[in-house]
PDB file of N, CA and C in Angstrom:
ATOM      1  N   PHE A   1       0.912  -1.277   0.148  1.00  0.00           N
ATOM      2  CA  PHE A   1      -0.131  -0.049  -0.120  1.00  0.00           C
ATOM      3  C   PHE A   1       1.064   1.317   0.052  1.00  0.00           C
ATOM      4  N   TRP A   2       0.383   2.318  -0.341  1.00  0.00           N
ATOM      5  CA  TRP A   2       1.035   3.699  -0.442  1.00  0.00           C
ATOM      6  C   TRP A   2       0.710   4.662   0.774  1.00  0.00           C
ATOM      7  N   ILE A   3       1.543   5.087   1.315  1.00  0.00           N
ATOM      8  CA  ILE A   3       1.480   6.325   2.320  1.00  0.00           C
ATOM      9  C   ILE A   3       1.778   7.534   1.497  1.00  0.00           C
ATOM     10  N   ILE A   4       0.653   8.446   1.928  1.00  0.00           N
ATOM     11  CA  ILE A   4       1.004   9.459   0.975  1.00  0.00           C
ATOM     12  C   ILE A   4       1.031  10.758   2.063  1.00  0.00           C
ATOM     13  N   PHE A   5       1.689  11.623   1.890  1.00  0.00           N
ATOM     14  CA  PHE A   5       1.735  12.895   2.839  1.00  0.00           C
ATOM     15  C   PHE A   5       1.954  13.830   2.246  1.00  0.00           C
ATOM     16  N   GLU A   6       1.419  15.165   2.650  1.00  0.00           N
ATOM     17  CA  GLU A   6       1.606  16.362   1.919  1.00  0.00           C
ATOM     18  C   GLU A   6       2.973  17.048   2.781  1.00  0.00           C
ATOM     19  N   ILE A   7       3.507  17.844   1.818  1.00  0.00           N
ATOM     20  CA  ILE A   7       4.699  18.597   2.649  1.00  0.00           C
ATOM     21  C   ILE A   7       4.328  19.938   2.486  1.00  0.00           C
ATOM     22  N   ASP A   8       4.685  20.702   3.802  1.00  0.00           N
ATOM     23  CA  ASP A   8       3.829  21.843   4.155  1.00  0.00           C
ATOM     24  C   ASP A   8       4.681  22.986   3.277  1.00  0.00           C
ATOM     25  N   GLU A   9       5.939  23.102   3.348  1.00  0.00           N
ATOM     26  CA  GLU A   9       7.173  24.092   2.740  1.00  0.00           C
ATOM     27  C   GLU A   9       7.852  23.201   1.849  1.00  0.00           C
ATOM     28  N   ILE A  10       7.929  23.944   0.606  1.00  0.00           N
ATOM     29  CA  ILE A  10       8.814  23.486  -0.420  1.00  0.00           C
ATOM     30  C   ILE A  10       9.916  24.776  -0.377  1.00  0.00           C
ATOM     31  N   PHE A  11      11.007  24.769  -0.584  1.00  0.00           N
ATOM     32  CA  PHE A  11      12.283  25.843  -0.773  1.00  0.00           C
ATOM     33  C   PHE A  11      12.896  25.431  -2.130  1.00  0.00           C
ATOM     34  N   LEU A  12      12.901  26.080  -3.307  1.00  0.00           N
ATOM     35  CA  LEU A  12      13.254  25.871  -4.224  1.00  0.00           C
ATOM     36  C   LEU A  12      13.874  26.975  -5.052  1.00  0.00           C
ATOM     37  N   SER A  13      15.568  27.160  -5.385  1.00  0.00           N
ATOM     38  CA  SER A  13      15.965  27.864  -6.273  1.00  0.00           C
ATOM     39  C   SER A  13      15.964  27.712  -7.858  1.00  0.00           C
ATOM     40  N   LYS A  14      15.888  28.981  -8.319  1.00  0.00           N
ATOM     41  CA  LYS A  14      15.941  28.729  -9.948  1.00  0.00           C
ATOM     42  C   LYS A  14      17.027  29.600 -10.466  1.00  0.00           C
ATOM     43  N   ILE A  15      17.984  29.087 -11.058  1.00  0.00           N
ATOM     44  CA  ILE A  15      19.280  29.752 -11.687  1.00  0.00           C
ATOM     45  C   ILE A  15      18.550  30.977 -12.745  1.00  0.00           C
ATOM     46  N   LYS A  16      19.048  32.245 -12.585  1.00  0.00           N
ATOM     47  CA  LYS A  16      18.790  33.369 -13.424  1.00  0.00           C
ATOM     48  C   LYS A  16      19.375  32.809 -15.162  1.00  0.00           C
ATOM     49  N   ASP A  17      18.570  33.211 -15.868  1.00  0.00           N
ATOM     50  CA  ASP A  17      18.944  33.035 -17.123  1.00  0.00           C
ATOM     51  C   ASP A  17      20.529  33.853 -17.763  1.00  0.00           C
ATOM     52  N   SER A  18      20.656  34.638 -16.687  1.00  0.00           N
ATOM     53  CA  SER A  18      22.005  35.559 -17.051  1.00  0.00           C
ATOM     54  C   SER A  18      23.142  34.874 -16.593  1.00  0.00           C
ATOM     55  N   VAL A  19      23.028  33.353 -16.012  1.00  0.00           N
ATOM     56  CA  VAL A  19      24.016  32.515 -15.465  1.00  0.00           C
ATOM     57  C   VAL A  19      23.979  31.548 -16.375  1.00  0.00           C
ATOM     58  N   GLU A  20      25.616  31.331 -16.937  1.00  0.00           N
ATOM     59  CA  GLU A  20      25.704  30.007 -18.017  1.00  0.00           C
ATOM     60  C   GLU A  20      25.769  28.990 -17.368  1.00  0.00           C
ATOM     61  N   VAL A  21      25.049  27.932 -17.800  1.00  0.00           N
ATOM     62  CA  VAL A  21      25.252  26.573 -17.657  1.00  0.00           C
ATOM     63  C   VAL A  21      25.391  25.581 -18.694  1.00  0.00           C
ATOM     64  N   LYS A  22      25.910  24.658 -18.576  1.00  0.00           N
ATOM     65  CA  LYS A  22      26.119  23.542 -19.509  1.00  0.00           C
ATOM     66  C   LYS A  22      24.896  22.779 -19.576  1.00  0.00           C
ATOM     67  N   LYS A  23      24.714  22.261 -20.815  1.00  0.00           N
ATOM     68  CA  LYS A  23      23.517  21.165 -20.911  1.00  0.00           C
ATOM     69  C   LYS A  23      23.770  20.089 -19.780  1.00  0.00           C
ATOM     70  N   ALA A  24      22.999  19.570 -19.163  1.00  0.00           N
ATOM     71  CA  ALA A  24      23.045  18.539 -18.252  1.00  0.00           C
ATOM     72  C   ALA A  24      23.049  17.055 -19.140  1.00  0.00           C
ATOM     73  N   VAL A  25      23.983  16.234 -18.900  1.00  0.00           N
ATOM     74  CA  VAL A  25      24.087  14.977 -19.663  1.00  0.00           C
ATOM     75  C   VAL A  25      23.204  13.895 -19.277  1.00  0.00           C
ATOM     76  N   GLU A  26      22.554  13.950 -17.878  1.00  0.00           N
ATOM     77  CA  GLU A  26      21.757  13.094 -17.143  1.00  0.00           C
ATOM     78  C   GLU A  26      20.754  14.120 -16.621  1.00  0.00           C
ATOM     79  N   PRO A  27      19.836  15.116 -17.442  1.00  0.00           N
ATOM     80  CA  PRO A  27      19.269  15.940 -16.383  1.00  0.00           C
ATOM     81  C   PRO A  27      18.097  15.197 -15.522  1.00  0.00           C
ATOM     82  N   LEU A  28      17.973  15.937 -14.465  1.00  0.00           N
ATOM     83  CA  LEU A  28      16.810  15.534 -13.451  1.00  0.00           C
ATOM     84  C   LEU A  28      15.555  16.005 -13.859  1.00  0.00           C
ATOM     85  N   TYR A  29      14.329  14.953 -13.451  1.00  0.00           N
ATOM     86  CA  TYR A  29      13.123  15.774 -13.711  1.00  0.00           C
ATOM     87  C   TYR A  29      12.499  16.279 -12.527  1.00  0.00           C
ATOM     88  N   PHE A  30      11.993  17.405 -12.539  1.00  0.00           N
ATOM     89  CA  PHE A  30      11.473  17.891 -11.225  1.00  0.00           C
ATOM     90  C   PHE A  30      10.002  18.530 -11.907  1.00  0.00           C
ATOM     91  N   PRO A  31       8.971  18.371 -11.266  1.00  0.00           N
ATOM     92  CA  PRO A  31       7.460  18.563 -11.895  1.00  0.00           C
ATOM     93  C   PRO A  31       7.445  19.984 -11.362  1.00  0.00           C
ATOM     94  N   ASN A  32       6.163  20.667 -11.960  1.00  0.00           N
ATOM     95  CA  ASN A  32       5.881  21.976 -11.643  1.00  0.00           C
ATOM     96  C   ASN A  32       4.990  21.922 -10.564  1.00  0.00           C
ATOM     97  N   ILE A  33       5.529  22.144  -9.399  1.00  0.00           N
ATOM     98  CA  ILE A  33       4.876  22.379  -8.002  1.00  0.00           C
ATOM     99  C   ILE A  33       3.310  22.874  -7.837  1.00  0.00           C
ATOM    100  N   GLU A  34       3.309  24.062  -8.832  1.00  0.00           N
ATOM    101  CA  GLU A  34       2.159  24.692  -8.896  1.00  0.00           C
ATOM    102  C   GLU A  34       1.068  23.780  -9.203  1.00  0.00           C
ATOM    103  N   ASP A  35       1.126  22.625 -10.165  1.00  0.00           N
ATOM    104  CA  ASP A  35       0.346  21.989 -10.688  1.00  0.00           C
ATOM    105  C   ASP A  35      -0.428  21.132  -9.499  1.00  0.00           C
ATOM    106  N   TYR A  36       0.600  21.117  -8.189  1.00  0.00           N
ATOM    107  CA  TYR A  36      -0.068  20.137  -7.424  1.00  0.00           C
ATOM    108  C   TYR A  36      -0.642  21.370  -6.397  1.00  0.00           C
ATOM    109  N   GLY A  37      -1.051  22.466  -6.443  1.00  0.00           N
ATOM    110  CA  GLY A  37      -1.482  23.349  -5.645  1.00  0.00           C
ATOM    111  C   GLY A  37      -0.771  24.048  -4.550  1.00  0.00           C
ATOM    112  N   TYR A  38       0.481  24.051  -5.094  1.00  0.00           N
ATOM    113  CA  TYR A  38       1.457  24.877  -4.170  1.00  0.00           C
ATOM    114  C   TYR A  38       1.418  26.368  -4.738  1.00  0.00           C
ATOM    115  N   LYS A  39       1.814  27.083  -3.686  1.00  0.00           N
ATOM    116  CA  LYS A  39       1.663  28.746  -4.303  1.00  0.00           C
ATOM    117  C   LYS A  39       2.675  29.478  -3.742  1.00  0.00           C
ATOM    118  N   ILE A  40       3.582  30.486  -4.479  1.00  0.00           N
ATOM    119  CA  ILE A  40       4.755  31.264  -3.906  1.00  0.00           C
ATOM    120  C   ILE A  40       4.098  31.950  -2.940  1.00  0.00           C
ATOM    121  N   VAL A  41       4.824  31.857  -1.582  1.00  0.00           N
ATOM    122  CA  VAL A  41       4.629  32.763  -0.447  1.00  0.00           C
ATOM    123  C   VAL A  41       5.825  33.663  -0.169  1.00  0.00           C
ATOM    124  N   ASP A  42       6.919  33.491  -0.634  1.00  0.00           N
ATOM    125  CA  ASP A  42       8.029  34.367  -0.571  1.00  0.00           C
ATOM    126  C   ASP A  42       9.055  34.147  -1.778  1.00  0.00           C
ATOM    127  N   LYS A  43       9.721  35.228  -1.868  1.00  0.00           N
ATOM    128  CA  LYS A  43      10.706  35.356  -2.974  1.00  0.00           C
ATOM    129  C   LYS A  43      11.839  36.031  -2.612  1.00  0.00           C
ATOM    130  N   LYS A  44      13.037  35.767  -2.613  1.00  0.00           N
ATOM    131  CA  LYS A  44      14.200  36.425  -2.316  1.00  0.00           C
ATOM    132  C   LYS A  44      15.193  36.283  -3.894  1.00  0.00           C
ATOM    133  N   ASP A  45      15.653  37.412  -4.258  1.00  0.00           N
ATOM    134  CA  ASP A  45      16.520  37.835  -5.497  1.00  0.00           C
ATOM    135  C   ASP A  45      17.865  37.915  -4.811  1.00  0.00           C
ATOM    136  N   TYR A  46      18.707  36.958  -5.285  1.00  0.00           N
ATOM    137  CA  TYR A  46      19.905  36.939  -5.145  1.00  0.00           C
ATOM    138  C   TYR A  46      20.830  37.429  -6.588  1.00  0.00           C
ATOM    139  N   GLU A  47      21.992  37.476  -6.600  1.00  0.00           N
ATOM    140  CA  GLU A  47      22.641  37.705  -7.715  1.00  0.00           C
ATOM    141  C   GLU A  47      22.578  36.910  -8.823  1.00  0.00           C
ATOM    142  N   GLU A  48      22.858  35.200  -8.586  1.00  0.00           N
ATOM    143  CA  GLU A  48      22.584  34.468  -9.681  1.00  0.00           C
ATOM    144  C   GLU A  48      21.401  33.523  -9.726  1.00  0.00           C
ATOM    145  N   PHE A  49      20.603  33.732  -8.418  1.00  0.00           N
ATOM    146  CA  PHE A  49      19.414  32.946  -8.715  1.00  0.00           C
ATOM    147  C   PHE A  49      18.134  33.316  -7.757  1.00  0.00           C
ATOM    148  N   ILE A  50      17.021  32.892  -7.847  1.00  0.00           N
ATOM    149  CA  ILE A  50      16.100  33.568  -7.231  1.00  0.00           C
ATOM    150  C   ILE A  50      15.616  32.322  -6.190  1.00  0.00           C
ATOM    151  N   ALA A  51      15.613  32.811  -4.630  1.00  0.00           N
ATOM    152  CA  ALA A  51      14.811  31.762  -3.931  1.00  0.00           C
ATOM    153  C   ALA A  51      13.818  31.810  -3.935  1.00  0.00           C
ATOM    154  N   TYR A  52      12.512  30.837  -3.808  1.00  0.00           N
ATOM    155  CA  TYR A  52      11.185  30.588  -3.580  1.00  0.00           C
ATOM    156  C   TYR A  52      10.835  29.860  -2.402  1.00  0.00           C
ATOM    157  N   VAL A  53       9.793  30.078  -1.926  1.00  0.00           N
ATOM    158  CA  VAL A  53       9.341  29.591  -0.789  1.00  0.00           C
ATOM    159  C   VAL A  53       7.766  29.154  -1.337  1.00  0.00           C
ATOM    160  N   TYR A  54       7.408  27.878  -1.213  1.00  0.00           N
ATOM    161  CA  TYR A  54       6.022  27.411  -1.763  1.00  0.00           C
ATOM    162  C   TYR A  54       5.345  26.724  -0.451  1.00  0.00           C
ATOM    163  N   LYS A  55       3.734  27.103  -0.456  1.00  0.00           N
ATOM    164  CA  LYS A  55       3.145  26.548   0.552  1.00  0.00           C
ATOM    165  C   LYS A  55       1.788  26.034  -0.137  1.00  0.00           C
ATOM    166  N   LYS A  56       1.167  25.149   0.290  1.00  0.00           N
ATOM    167  CA  LYS A  56      -0.210  24.920  -0.040  1.00  0.00           C
ATOM    168  C   LYS A  56      -1.250  25.541   0.540  1.00  0.00           C
TER     169      LYS A  56
END
Protein backbone atom coordinates (compact mmCIF):
# COMPACT_ATOMS: atom_id res chain seq x y z
CA PHE A 1 0.00 0.00 0.00
CA TRP A 2 0.99 3.64 -0.42
CA ILE A 3 1.53 6.17 2.33
CA ILE A 4 0.89 9.63 0.95
CA PHE A 5 1.71 12.79 2.86
CA GLU A 6 1.76 16.46 1.97
CA ILE A 7 4.78 18.69 2.40
CA ASP A 8 4.07 21.93 4.30
CA GLU A 9 6.78 24.03 2.66
CA ILE A 10 9.00 23.59 -0.35
CA PHE A 11 12.16 25.67 -0.78
CA LEU A 12 13.28 25.95 -4.39
CA SER A 13 15.97 28.04 -6.08
CA LYS A 14 16.01 28.77 -9.80
CA ILE A 15 19.17 29.89 -11.58
CA LYS A 16 18.75 33.15 -13.48
CA ASP A 17 18.94 33.18 -17.28
CA SER A 18 22.02 35.42 -17.07
CA VAL A 19 24.03 32.56 -15.50
CA GLU A 20 25.82 30.37 -18.02
CA VAL A 21 25.24 26.65 -17.44
CA LYS A 22 26.16 23.64 -19.54
CA LYS A 23 23.56 21.21 -20.80
CA ALA A 24 23.12 18.33 -18.36
CA VAL A 25 24.26 14.90 -19.51
CA GLU A 26 21.60 13.23 -17.34
CA PRO A 27 19.03 15.92 -16.47
CA LEU A 28 16.77 15.45 -13.45
CA TYR A 29 13.01 15.76 -13.74
CA PHE A 30 11.26 18.09 -11.31
CA PRO A 31 7.51 18.53 -11.70
CA ASN A 32 5.80 21.92 -11.77
CA ILE A 33 4.79 22.04 -8.11
CA GLU A 34 2.16 24.71 -8.82
CA ASP A 35 0.22 21.96 -10.63
CA TYR A 36 -0.08 20.26 -7.22
CA GLY A 37 -1.65 23.25 -5.46
CA TYR A 38 1.47 24.95 -4.11
CA LYS A 39 1.71 28.76 -4.28
CA ILE A 40 4.70 31.08 -3.90
CA VAL A 41 4.55 32.74 -0.47
CA ASP A 42 8.04 34.28 -0.41
CA LYS A 43 10.66 35.19 -2.99
CA LYS A 44 14.21 36.48 -2.50
CA ASP A 45 16.33 37.76 -5.34
CA TYR A 46 20.06 37.02 -5.25
CA GLU A 47 22.78 37.81 -7.79
CA GLU A 48 22.70 34.47 -9.62
CA PHE A 49 19.44 32.85 -8.53
CA ILE A 50 15.98 33.46 -7.12
CA ALA A 51 14.91 31.58 -3.98
CA TYR A 52 11.23 30.70 -3.62
CA VAL A 53 9.16 29.35 -0.73
CA TYR A 54 6.02 27.45 -1.72
CA LYS A 55 3.10 26.46 0.52
CA LYS A 56 -0.20 24.71 -0.07
